[in-house]
């Protein structure tokens, strides 16, 4: 793959990744609640979910799902259900924040990882991005799997970098300005935004 082609792909990927979405919002919320280091499983879970979507696209499975109206609708309704459920949970469930140096609210890393993984793997945004860009940058005269691996790793790496930046910024805000009341307000707003994403996706599916 030519460097210029890869650079173009990386630039477009970066623009797509930093656009506000469920993964960015979820990482911000968890970083405000927990701090930077405890939220690393969230960042890695999202990256693994993106990697799974990329490999499915590379293997042609995702393209088959998109061509099948029933399977694609099922996949998108799954995303609607997960986003909507997460949004409702944020609005209803109370999440205490332990503030102060050296004090961190404990949330099991496995839960954080699973939450982010499911959010990434059920969000059609990355899948559609892969399906749109892969045919434009893959060279059919060369082995496709090495090229696909480079593209998926590039996207996941940029996602890790972007979410880490969001988490670091949220950690600084947490240290200086966060209170339980402000976190509760942000959490409820996050829930409303996720419900909005779910509603938009539902309208597109129906």
Protein backbone atom coordinates (compact mmCIF):
# COMPACT_ATOMS: atom_id res chain seq x y z
CA UNK A 1 0.00 0.00 0.00
CA UNK A 2 1.36 3.41 -1.01
CA UNK A 3 2.17 5.78 1.86
CA UNK A 4 0.06 8.53 0.32
CA UNK A 5 -2.94 6.21 0.17
CA UNK A 6 -2.46 5.07 3.76
CA UNK A 7 -2.06 8.69 4.91
CA UNK A 8 -5.32 9.65 3.22
CA UNK A 9 -7.08 6.74 4.89
CA UNK A 10 -5.60 7.65 8.29
CA UNK A 11 -6.69 11.29 7.90
CA UNK A 12 -10.26 10.35 7.00
CA UNK A 13 -10.31 7.80 9.84
CA UNK A 14 -9.14 10.39 12.36
CA UNK A 15 -11.87 12.81 11.28
CA UNK A 16 -14.48 10.05 11.65
CA UNK A 17 -13.16 8.93 15.05
CA UNK A 18 -13.07 12.33 16.76
CA UNK A 19 -16.64 13.08 15.67
CA UNK A 20 -18.85 12.90 18.80
CA UNK A 21 -20.44 9.49 19.16
CA UNK A 22 -21.41 6.83 21.71
CA UNK A 23 -17.84 5.61 22.27
CA UNK A 24 -16.49 9.11 22.95
CA UNK A 25 -19.39 9.90 25.24
CA UNK A 26 -19.10 6.65 27.18
CA UNK A 27 -15.35 7.13 27.66
CA UNK A 28 -15.83 10.71 28.86
CA UNK A 29 -18.46 9.62 31.37
CA UNK A 30 -16.39 6.78 32.77
CA UNK A 31 -13.25 8.94 32.95
CA UNK A 32 -15.15 11.60 34.88
CA UNK A 33 -16.45 8.95 37.23
CA UNK A 34 -13.26 6.91 37.68
CA UNK A 35 -10.22 8.82 36.44
CA UNK A 36 -7.81 8.02 33.60
CA UNK A 37 -6.10 4.76 34.63
CA UNK A 38 -9.24 2.84 35.69
CA UNK A 39 -10.91 3.67 32.36
CA UNK A 40 -8.24 1.96 30.24
CA UNK A 41 -10.36 -1.23 29.91
CA UNK A 42 -13.05 0.95 28.32
CA UNK A 43 -10.58 2.21 25.72
CA UNK A 44 -9.26 -1.28 24.98
CA UNK A 45 -12.76 -2.79 24.84
CA UNK A 46 -13.78 -0.22 22.24
CA UNK A 47 -10.65 -0.94 20.20
CA UNK A 48 -11.36 -4.69 20.23
CA UNK A 49 -14.94 -4.08 19.11
CA UNK A 50 -13.68 -1.96 16.21
CA UNK A 51 -11.14 -4.65 15.32
CA UNK A 52 -13.86 -7.32 15.21
CA UNK A 53 -15.94 -5.14 12.89
CA UNK A 54 -12.94 -4.49 10.64
CA UNK A 55 -12.03 -8.16 10.38
CA UNK A 56 -15.64 -9.06 9.58
CA UNK A 57 -15.58 -6.52 6.77
CA UNK A 58 -12.27 -7.85 5.51
CA UNK A 59 -13.67 -11.37 5.52
CA UNK A 60 -16.78 -10.34 3.64
CA UNK A 61 -19.19 -11.25 6.45
CA UNK A 62 -20.24 -7.67 7.06
CA UNK A 63 -20.78 -7.10 3.35
CA UNK A 64 -23.07 -10.14 3.29
CA UNK A 65 -25.02 -8.82 6.29
CA UNK A 66 -25.45 -5.41 4.63
CA UNK A 67 -26.74 -7.02 1.42
CA UNK A 68 -29.32 -8.99 3.40
CA UNK A 69 -32.11 -6.61 4.42
CA UNK A 70 -33.28 -8.85 7.25
CA UNK A 71 -29.82 -9.42 8.77
CA UNK A 72 -28.87 -5.77 8.42
CA UNK A 73 -32.12 -4.66 10.06
CA UNK A 74 -31.57 -7.14 12.91
CA UNK A 75 -28.03 -5.87 13.41
CA UNK A 76 -29.15 -2.25 13.49
CA UNK A 77 -32.06 -2.95 15.85
CA UNK A 78 -29.56 -4.65 18.15
CA UNK A 79 -27.59 -1.42 18.15
CA UNK A 80 -30.76 0.56 18.86
CA UNK A 81 -31.61 -1.71 21.79
CA UNK A 82 -28.14 -1.51 23.33
CA UNK A 83 -27.80 2.25 22.93
CA UNK A 84 -31.30 2.83 24.26
CA UNK A 85 -30.76 0.50 27.21
CA UNK A 86 -27.48 2.14 28.12
CA UNK A 87 -29.05 5.60 27.84
CA UNK A 88 -31.93 4.63 30.13
CA UNK A 89 -29.52 3.09 32.63
CA UNK A 90 -27.52 6.30 32.77
CA UNK A 91 -30.64 8.34 33.46
CA UNK A 92 -32.05 6.00 36.12
CA UNK A 93 -29.10 4.45 37.96
CA UNK A 94 -27.16 6.54 40.45
CA UNK A 95 -23.36 6.30 40.17
CA UNK A 96 -21.50 7.79 43.15
CA UNK A 97 -18.18 9.51 42.49
CA UNK A 98 -15.44 9.30 45.10
CA UNK A 99 -13.49 12.53 44.85
CA UNK A 100 -10.14 13.34 46.38
CA UNK A 101 -6.52 12.45 45.71
CA UNK A 102 -5.93 8.72 45.82
CA UNK A 103 -9.65 7.95 46.08
CA UNK A 104 -11.30 6.23 43.12
CA UNK A 105 -14.75 4.70 42.75
CA UNK A 106 -14.26 1.01 41.93
CA UNK A 107 -15.96 -0.48 38.90
CA UNK A 108 -14.87 -3.98 37.76
CA UNK A 109 -12.55 -3.73 34.73
CA UNK A 110 -14.41 -6.62 33.12
CA UNK A 111 -17.65 -4.63 33.23
CA UNK A 112 -15.97 -1.58 31.67
CA UNK A 113 -14.38 -3.70 28.95
CA UNK A 114 -17.62 -5.53 28.11
CA UNK A 115 -19.65 -2.31 28.10
CA UNK A 116 -17.30 -0.61 25.61
CA UNK A 117 -16.87 -3.72 23.45
CA UNK A 118 -20.62 -4.20 23.03
CA UNK A 119 -21.08 -0.49 22.33
CA UNK A 120 -18.47 -0.62 19.56
CA UNK A 121 -19.49 -3.90 17.98
CA UNK A 122 -23.21 -2.98 17.81
CA UNK A 123 -22.65 0.51 16.42
CA UNK A 124 -23.01 0.52 12.59
CA UNK A 125 -20.92 3.71 12.28
CA UNK A 126 -17.55 1.93 12.14
CA UNK A 127 -18.90 -0.96 10.07
CA UNK A 128 -20.26 1.37 7.42
CA UNK A 129 -17.00 3.32 7.47
CA UNK A 130 -15.00 0.16 6.81
CA UNK A 131 -17.35 -0.91 4.02
CA UNK A 132 -17.12 2.50 2.38
CA UNK A 133 -13.36 2.95 2.62
CA UNK A 134 -11.89 -0.53 2.24
CA UNK A 135 -12.78 -0.92 -1.46
CA UNK A 136 -11.24 2.50 -2.15
CA UNK A 137 -7.84 1.77 -0.62
CA UNK A 138 -7.30 -1.99 -0.92
CA UNK A 139 -5.16 -3.11 -3.86
CA UNK A 140 -6.81 -6.23 -5.36
CA UNK A 141 -3.54 -7.24 -7.07
CA UNK A 142 -1.91 -7.82 -3.68
CA UNK A 143 -2.77 -10.02 -0.72
CA UNK A 144 -5.82 -8.49 0.96
CA UNK A 145 -5.37 -9.75 4.52
CA UNK A 146 -2.08 -7.91 5.24
CA UNK A 147 -3.58 -4.71 3.80
CA UNK A 148 -6.79 -5.14 5.78
CA UNK A 149 -4.83 -5.78 8.96
CA UNK A 150 -2.89 -2.55 8.49
CA UNK A 151 -6.10 -0.59 7.92
CA UNK A 152 -7.88 -2.09 10.93
CA UNK A 153 -4.87 -1.56 13.20
CA UNK A 154 -4.60 2.03 11.97
CA UNK A 155 -8.25 2.72 12.78
CA UNK A 156 -8.01 1.03 16.19
CA UNK A 157 -4.76 2.82 17.02
CA UNK A 158 -6.25 6.20 16.17
CA UNK A 159 -9.30 5.34 18.25
CA UNK A 160 -7.13 4.47 21.25
CA UNK A 161 -5.25 7.75 20.83
CA UNK A 162 -8.47 9.76 20.54
CA UNK A 163 -10.22 8.12 23.50
CA UNK A 164 -7.07 8.40 25.63
CA UNK A 165 -7.01 12.12 24.93
CA UNK A 166 -10.68 12.44 25.87
CA UNK A 167 -10.03 10.44 29.06
CA UNK A 168 -7.03 12.55 30.06
CA UNK A 169 -8.99 15.76 29.58
CA UNK A 170 -11.89 14.34 31.58
CA UNK A 171 -9.48 13.30 34.32
CA UNK A 172 -8.18 16.89 34.58
CA UNK A 173 -11.73 18.19 34.77
CA UNK A 174 -12.49 15.60 37.42
CA UNK A 175 -9.57 16.72 39.57
CA UNK A 176 -10.42 20.42 39.44
CA UNK A 177 -14.11 20.97 38.84
CA UNK A 178 -16.12 17.78 39.32
CA UNK A 179 -18.72 17.44 42.05
CA UNK A 180 -21.33 14.74 42.56
CA UNK A 181 -24.07 17.10 41.40
CA UNK A 182 -22.19 18.05 38.21
CA UNK A 183 -21.43 14.41 37.45
CA UNK A 184 -25.08 13.47 37.90
CA UNK A 185 -26.09 16.23 35.49
CA UNK A 186 -23.50 15.10 32.93
CA UNK A 187 -24.60 11.47 33.33
CA UNK A 188 -28.27 12.32 32.72
CA UNK A 189 -27.32 14.45 29.69
CA UNK A 190 -25.20 11.55 28.40
CA UNK A 191 -28.19 9.25 28.76
CA UNK A 192 -30.36 11.66 26.78
CA UNK A 193 -27.75 11.91 24.03
CA UNK A 194 -27.47 8.11 23.79
CA UNK A 195 -31.25 7.88 23.58
CA UNK A 196 -31.04 10.43 20.78
CA UNK A 197 -28.51 8.29 18.92
CA UNK A 198 -30.78 5.27 19.41
CA UNK A 199 -33.80 7.22 18.12
CA UNK A 200 -31.94 8.41 15.01
CA UNK A 201 -30.78 4.87 14.29
CA UNK A 202 -34.32 3.55 14.82
CA UNK A 203 -35.72 6.08 12.32
CA UNK A 204 -33.12 4.99 9.75
CA UNK A 205 -33.97 1.32 10.28
CA UNK A 206 -37.77 1.74 10.08
